[in-house]
Amino acid sequence: MKEIVIGMALGLVAGGFWKMHHWNEQRKVRSFYDMLEKGEISVIAQE
């Protein structure tokens, strides 16, 4: 029983870190597209 509780706790902690990482990446992508839409930055393909 003790191992199950420890496993669940570790799973929740790992899941929380994964969610925070995912939200951070999502925020970066959203801010990039917002700046692109406002014209603050532009993307030009190199030849």
N, C-alpha and C. Protein backbone atom coordinates (compact mmCIF):
# COMPACT_ATOMS: atom_id res chain seq x y z
N MET A 1 0.83 -1.20 0.00
CA MET A 1 0.00 0.00 0.00
C MET A 1 0.87 1.26 0.00
N LYS A 2 1.95 1.21 0.77
CA LYS A 2 2.85 2.36 0.87
C LYS A 2 3.46 2.69 -0.49
N GLU A 3 3.84 1.67 -1.25
CA GLU A 3 4.46 1.87 -2.56
C GLU A 3 3.47 2.51 -3.54
N ILE A 4 2.20 2.13 -3.44
CA ILE A 4 1.18 2.70 -4.33
C ILE A 4 1.03 4.19 -4.07
N VAL A 5 1.00 4.57 -2.81
CA VAL A 5 0.86 5.99 -2.44
C VAL A 5 2.08 6.78 -2.91
N ILE A 6 3.27 6.22 -2.71
CA ILE A 6 4.49 6.89 -3.16
C ILE A 6 4.49 7.03 -4.68
N GLY A 7 4.10 5.99 -5.38
CA GLY A 7 4.03 6.04 -6.84
C GLY A 7 3.04 7.08 -7.33
N MET A 8 1.89 7.16 -6.68
CA MET A 8 0.89 8.16 -7.08
C MET A 8 1.41 9.57 -6.83
N ALA A 9 2.08 9.78 -5.70
CA ALA A 9 2.61 11.10 -5.38
C ALA A 9 3.68 11.51 -6.40
N LEU A 10 4.58 10.58 -6.72
CA LEU A 10 5.61 10.88 -7.72
C LEU A 10 4.99 11.16 -9.09
N GLY A 11 3.95 10.41 -9.44
CA GLY A 11 3.26 10.63 -10.71
C GLY A 11 2.62 12.01 -10.77
N LEU A 12 2.01 12.43 -9.67
CA LEU A 12 1.38 13.76 -9.64
C LEU A 12 2.43 14.87 -9.74
N VAL A 13 3.56 14.69 -9.06
CA VAL A 13 4.62 15.69 -9.13
C VAL A 13 5.18 15.78 -10.55
N ALA A 14 5.46 14.63 -11.16
CA ALA A 14 5.98 14.62 -12.53
C ALA A 14 4.96 15.22 -13.49
N GLY A 15 3.69 14.90 -13.31
CA GLY A 15 2.64 15.47 -14.15
C GLY A 15 2.54 16.97 -14.00
N GLY A 16 2.71 17.46 -12.79
CA GLY A 16 2.68 18.91 -12.55
C GLY A 16 3.83 19.62 -13.25
N PHE A 17 5.03 19.03 -13.17
CA PHE A 17 6.17 19.63 -13.87
C PHE A 17 5.96 19.61 -15.38
N TRP A 18 5.40 18.53 -15.91
CA TRP A 18 5.14 18.44 -17.34
C TRP A 18 4.14 19.50 -17.77
N LYS A 19 3.08 19.70 -16.97
CA LYS A 19 2.08 20.72 -17.29
C LYS A 19 2.69 22.11 -17.27
N MET A 20 3.53 22.41 -16.28
CA MET A 20 4.16 23.73 -16.22
C MET A 20 5.05 23.94 -17.44
N HIS A 21 5.79 22.91 -17.85
CA HIS A 21 6.63 23.00 -19.05
C HIS A 21 5.77 23.25 -20.28
N HIS A 22 4.67 22.53 -20.40
CA HIS A 22 3.79 22.67 -21.55
C HIS A 22 3.18 24.07 -21.60
N TRP A 23 2.73 24.59 -20.46
CA TRP A 23 2.15 25.93 -20.43
C TRP A 23 3.19 26.98 -20.80
N ASN A 24 4.44 26.79 -20.36
CA ASN A 24 5.51 27.73 -20.69
C ASN A 24 5.77 27.74 -22.19
N GLU A 25 5.84 26.56 -22.80
CA GLU A 25 6.05 26.48 -24.25
C GLU A 25 4.88 27.10 -25.01
N GLN A 26 3.67 26.85 -24.53
CA GLN A 26 2.47 27.40 -25.17
C GLN A 26 2.48 28.92 -25.10
N ARG A 27 2.93 29.47 -23.97
CA ARG A 27 3.01 30.92 -23.81
C ARG A 27 4.03 31.52 -24.77
N LYS A 28 5.17 30.85 -24.95
CA LYS A 28 6.19 31.33 -25.89
C LYS A 28 5.65 31.37 -27.31
N VAL A 29 4.96 30.30 -27.72
CA VAL A 29 4.42 30.23 -29.08
C VAL A 29 3.35 31.30 -29.26
N ARG A 30 2.48 31.46 -28.28
CA ARG A 30 1.41 32.46 -28.38
C ARG A 30 1.99 33.86 -28.48
N SER A 31 3.01 34.18 -27.69
CA SER A 31 3.61 35.52 -27.75
C SER A 31 4.31 35.73 -29.08
N PHE A 32 4.93 34.69 -29.65
CA PHE A 32 5.57 34.80 -30.95
C PHE A 32 4.54 35.16 -32.02
N TYR A 33 3.42 34.45 -32.05
CA TYR A 33 2.40 34.73 -33.06
C TYR A 33 1.72 36.07 -32.83
N ASP A 34 1.60 36.50 -31.58
CA ASP A 34 1.05 37.84 -31.30
C ASP A 34 1.96 38.92 -31.85
N MET A 35 3.28 38.78 -31.62
CA MET A 35 4.23 39.76 -32.15
C MET A 35 4.24 39.73 -33.67
N LEU A 36 4.14 38.55 -34.26
CA LEU A 36 4.11 38.42 -35.71
C LEU A 36 2.88 39.12 -36.27
N GLU A 37 1.74 38.96 -35.61
CA GLU A 37 0.50 39.57 -36.07
C GLU A 37 0.54 41.09 -35.95
N LYS A 38 1.18 41.60 -34.89
CA LYS A 38 1.27 43.05 -34.68
C LYS A 38 2.31 43.69 -35.60
N GLY A 39 3.13 42.89 -36.24
CA GLY A 39 4.16 43.43 -37.12
C GLY A 39 5.43 43.80 -36.40
N GLU A 40 5.56 43.42 -35.15
CA GLU A 40 6.77 43.73 -34.38
C GLU A 40 7.96 42.91 -34.86
N ILE A 41 7.69 41.72 -35.38
CA ILE A 41 8.74 40.87 -35.92
C ILE A 41 8.28 40.35 -37.28
N SER A 42 9.21 39.86 -38.06
CA SER A 42 8.85 39.26 -39.34
C SER A 42 9.72 38.03 -39.56
N VAL A 43 9.22 37.13 -40.37
CA VAL A 43 9.94 35.91 -40.68
C VAL A 43 10.26 35.93 -42.16
N ILE A 44 11.54 35.89 -42.46
CA ILE A 44 11.99 35.90 -43.86
C ILE A 44 12.85 34.67 -44.08
N ALA A 45 12.49 33.88 -45.08
CA ALA A 45 13.25 32.67 -45.40
C ALA A 45 14.57 33.06 -46.04
N GLN A 46 15.65 32.42 -45.61
CA GLN A 46 16.95 32.68 -46.20
C GLN A 46 17.07 31.93 -47.51
N GLU A 47 17.73 32.55 -48.46
CA GLU A 47 17.91 31.90 -49.77
C GLU A 47 19.21 31.16 -49.85
